[in-house]
N, C-alpha and C. Protein backbone atom coordinates (compact mmCIF):
# COMPACT_ATOMS: atom_id res chain seq x y z
N MET A 1 0.85 -1.18 0.00
CA MET A 1 0.00 0.00 0.00
C MET A 1 0.89 1.24 0.00
N SER A 2 0.46 2.26 -0.72
CA SER A 2 1.25 3.48 -0.82
C SER A 2 1.24 4.27 0.48
N LYS A 3 2.28 5.04 0.66
CA LYS A 3 2.43 5.89 1.85
C LYS A 3 1.44 7.04 1.77
N LYS A 4 0.80 7.37 2.89
CA LYS A 4 -0.17 8.47 2.95
C LYS A 4 0.51 9.69 3.56
N LYS A 5 0.16 10.85 3.04
CA LYS A 5 0.69 12.11 3.54
C LYS A 5 -0.48 12.99 3.97
N ALA A 6 -0.43 13.46 5.20
CA ALA A 6 -1.50 14.30 5.73
C ALA A 6 -1.26 15.76 5.36
N PHE A 7 -2.35 16.49 5.11
CA PHE A 7 -2.27 17.93 4.88
C PHE A 7 -3.61 18.55 5.21
N ALA A 8 -3.58 19.84 5.53
CA ALA A 8 -4.81 20.56 5.86
C ALA A 8 -5.49 21.01 4.57
N LEU A 9 -6.81 20.95 4.55
CA LEU A 9 -7.58 21.36 3.38
C LEU A 9 -8.65 22.34 3.82
N ARG A 10 -8.60 23.54 3.27
CA ARG A 10 -9.66 24.52 3.51
C ARG A 10 -10.67 24.35 2.39
N ILE A 11 -11.93 24.12 2.75
CA ILE A 11 -12.95 23.85 1.76
C ILE A 11 -14.26 24.51 2.19
N ASP A 12 -15.01 24.98 1.24
CA ASP A 12 -16.31 25.58 1.51
C ASP A 12 -17.19 24.58 2.27
N GLU A 13 -17.85 25.05 3.30
CA GLU A 13 -18.66 24.17 4.15
C GLU A 13 -19.75 23.45 3.37
N ASP A 14 -20.43 24.15 2.48
CA ASP A 14 -21.49 23.52 1.69
C ASP A 14 -20.93 22.44 0.77
N LEU A 15 -19.77 22.71 0.19
CA LEU A 15 -19.12 21.72 -0.68
C LEU A 15 -18.72 20.48 0.12
N LEU A 16 -18.17 20.68 1.30
CA LEU A 16 -17.79 19.55 2.15
C LEU A 16 -19.03 18.74 2.54
N ASN A 17 -20.12 19.40 2.85
CA ASN A 17 -21.36 18.68 3.19
C ASN A 17 -21.81 17.79 2.04
N LEU A 18 -21.69 18.29 0.81
CA LEU A 18 -22.05 17.49 -0.36
C LEU A 18 -21.13 16.29 -0.52
N VAL A 19 -19.83 16.49 -0.30
CA VAL A 19 -18.87 15.39 -0.39
C VAL A 19 -19.15 14.35 0.70
N GLU A 20 -19.43 14.81 1.91
CA GLU A 20 -19.73 13.89 3.01
C GLU A 20 -20.97 13.05 2.70
N LYS A 21 -22.00 13.67 2.14
CA LYS A 21 -23.22 12.94 1.78
C LYS A 21 -22.92 11.91 0.69
N TRP A 22 -22.16 12.32 -0.32
CA TRP A 22 -21.78 11.43 -1.40
C TRP A 22 -20.98 10.25 -0.86
N ALA A 23 -20.03 10.53 0.04
CA ALA A 23 -19.22 9.48 0.65
C ALA A 23 -20.10 8.48 1.39
N ALA A 24 -21.05 8.98 2.16
CA ALA A 24 -21.95 8.09 2.90
C ALA A 24 -22.77 7.23 1.95
N ASP A 25 -23.22 7.82 0.85
CA ASP A 25 -24.00 7.07 -0.14
C ASP A 25 -23.18 5.96 -0.78
N GLU A 26 -21.86 6.16 -0.89
CA GLU A 26 -20.95 5.19 -1.52
C GLU A 26 -20.27 4.29 -0.49
N PHE A 27 -20.64 4.42 0.79
CA PHE A 27 -20.05 3.65 1.88
C PHE A 27 -18.54 3.86 1.98
N ARG A 28 -18.11 5.12 1.80
CA ARG A 28 -16.71 5.50 1.93
C ARG A 28 -16.59 6.55 3.03
N SER A 29 -15.36 6.71 3.53
CA SER A 29 -15.08 7.83 4.42
C SER A 29 -15.00 9.09 3.57
N THR A 30 -15.09 10.24 4.20
CA THR A 30 -14.95 11.50 3.48
C THR A 30 -13.57 11.57 2.84
N ASN A 31 -12.54 11.17 3.58
CA ASN A 31 -11.18 11.17 3.04
C ASN A 31 -11.08 10.23 1.84
N GLY A 32 -11.64 9.04 1.97
CA GLY A 32 -11.63 8.08 0.86
C GLY A 32 -12.35 8.63 -0.36
N GLN A 33 -13.44 9.33 -0.14
CA GLN A 33 -14.19 9.90 -1.25
C GLN A 33 -13.37 10.99 -1.95
N LEU A 34 -12.72 11.83 -1.17
CA LEU A 34 -11.88 12.88 -1.76
C LEU A 34 -10.73 12.27 -2.56
N GLU A 35 -10.10 11.21 -2.03
CA GLU A 35 -9.04 10.53 -2.77
C GLU A 35 -9.59 9.96 -4.08
N TRP A 36 -10.77 9.36 -4.04
CA TRP A 36 -11.39 8.78 -5.24
C TRP A 36 -11.68 9.87 -6.27
N ILE A 37 -12.22 11.01 -5.82
CA ILE A 37 -12.53 12.13 -6.72
C ILE A 37 -11.24 12.66 -7.36
N ILE A 38 -10.20 12.84 -6.57
CA ILE A 38 -8.94 13.35 -7.10
C ILE A 38 -8.34 12.36 -8.09
N HIS A 39 -8.35 11.08 -7.75
CA HIS A 39 -7.81 10.04 -8.64
C HIS A 39 -8.56 10.03 -9.97
N LYS A 40 -9.89 10.10 -9.90
CA LYS A 40 -10.71 10.11 -11.11
C LYS A 40 -10.40 11.35 -11.97
N ALA A 41 -10.24 12.50 -11.33
CA ALA A 41 -9.92 13.73 -12.07
C ALA A 41 -8.54 13.64 -12.72
N LEU A 42 -7.57 13.11 -12.01
CA LEU A 42 -6.22 12.95 -12.56
C LEU A 42 -6.22 11.99 -13.75
N ARG A 43 -6.94 10.91 -13.62
CA ARG A 43 -7.04 9.93 -14.71
C ARG A 43 -7.74 10.56 -15.92
N GLY A 44 -8.82 11.29 -15.66
CA GLY A 44 -9.56 11.95 -16.73
C GLY A 44 -8.76 13.02 -17.46
N ALA A 45 -7.84 13.65 -16.75
CA ALA A 45 -6.99 14.70 -17.33
C ALA A 45 -5.74 14.12 -17.99
N GLY A 46 -5.61 12.80 -17.96
CA GLY A 46 -4.46 12.15 -18.58
C GLY A 46 -3.18 12.28 -17.77
N ARG A 47 -3.31 12.60 -16.49
CA ARG A 47 -2.13 12.75 -15.62
C ARG A 47 -1.62 11.40 -15.11
N ILE A 48 -2.49 10.40 -15.05
CA ILE A 48 -2.09 9.04 -14.70
C ILE A 48 -2.76 8.08 -15.66
N LYS A 49 -2.17 6.91 -15.82
CA LYS A 49 -2.71 5.92 -16.72
C LYS A 49 -3.97 5.29 -16.14
N GLN A 50 -4.84 4.80 -17.00
CA GLN A 50 -6.11 4.18 -16.61
C GLN A 50 -5.90 3.07 -15.58
N ASN A 51 -4.86 2.25 -15.75
CA ASN A 51 -4.63 1.10 -14.87
C ASN A 51 -3.75 1.41 -13.68
N ASP A 52 -3.22 2.61 -13.58
CA ASP A 52 -2.34 3.00 -12.49
C ASP A 52 -3.11 3.08 -11.18
N LYS A 53 -2.65 2.38 -10.16
CA LYS A 53 -3.32 2.35 -8.86
C LYS A 53 -2.88 3.50 -7.95
N LYS A 54 -1.75 4.14 -8.26
CA LYS A 54 -1.23 5.19 -7.41
C LYS A 54 -1.97 6.50 -7.65
N GLU A 55 -2.12 7.30 -6.59
CA GLU A 55 -2.76 8.61 -6.66
C GLU A 55 -1.88 9.59 -7.43
N SER A 56 -0.60 9.58 -7.16
CA SER A 56 0.35 10.45 -7.84
C SER A 56 1.73 9.83 -7.70
N SER A 57 2.69 10.39 -8.37
CA SER A 57 4.02 9.81 -8.33
C SER A 57 4.98 10.59 -7.42
N GLY A 58 4.47 11.13 -6.35
CA GLY A 58 5.37 11.72 -5.39
C GLY A 58 5.14 13.11 -5.15
C-alpha cells in the first residue's frame, strides 16, 4: 500500500457537506471519497494511466 501524507484542506462548508453525503452514499469515508474524486480527475486529465493504482508519483 502506498504511503499516505496528511495535509490541511480549507474547503467551503457547503461543498464539504455534499462530499460527506456522497461518501456516505458510496459507503466511503470522506477522506476516501476525496481521494477517489482526485484520482478520477487525474485519470480523466491524462495525468495518470487508466490502470495505475497510485494517486500520484510523489
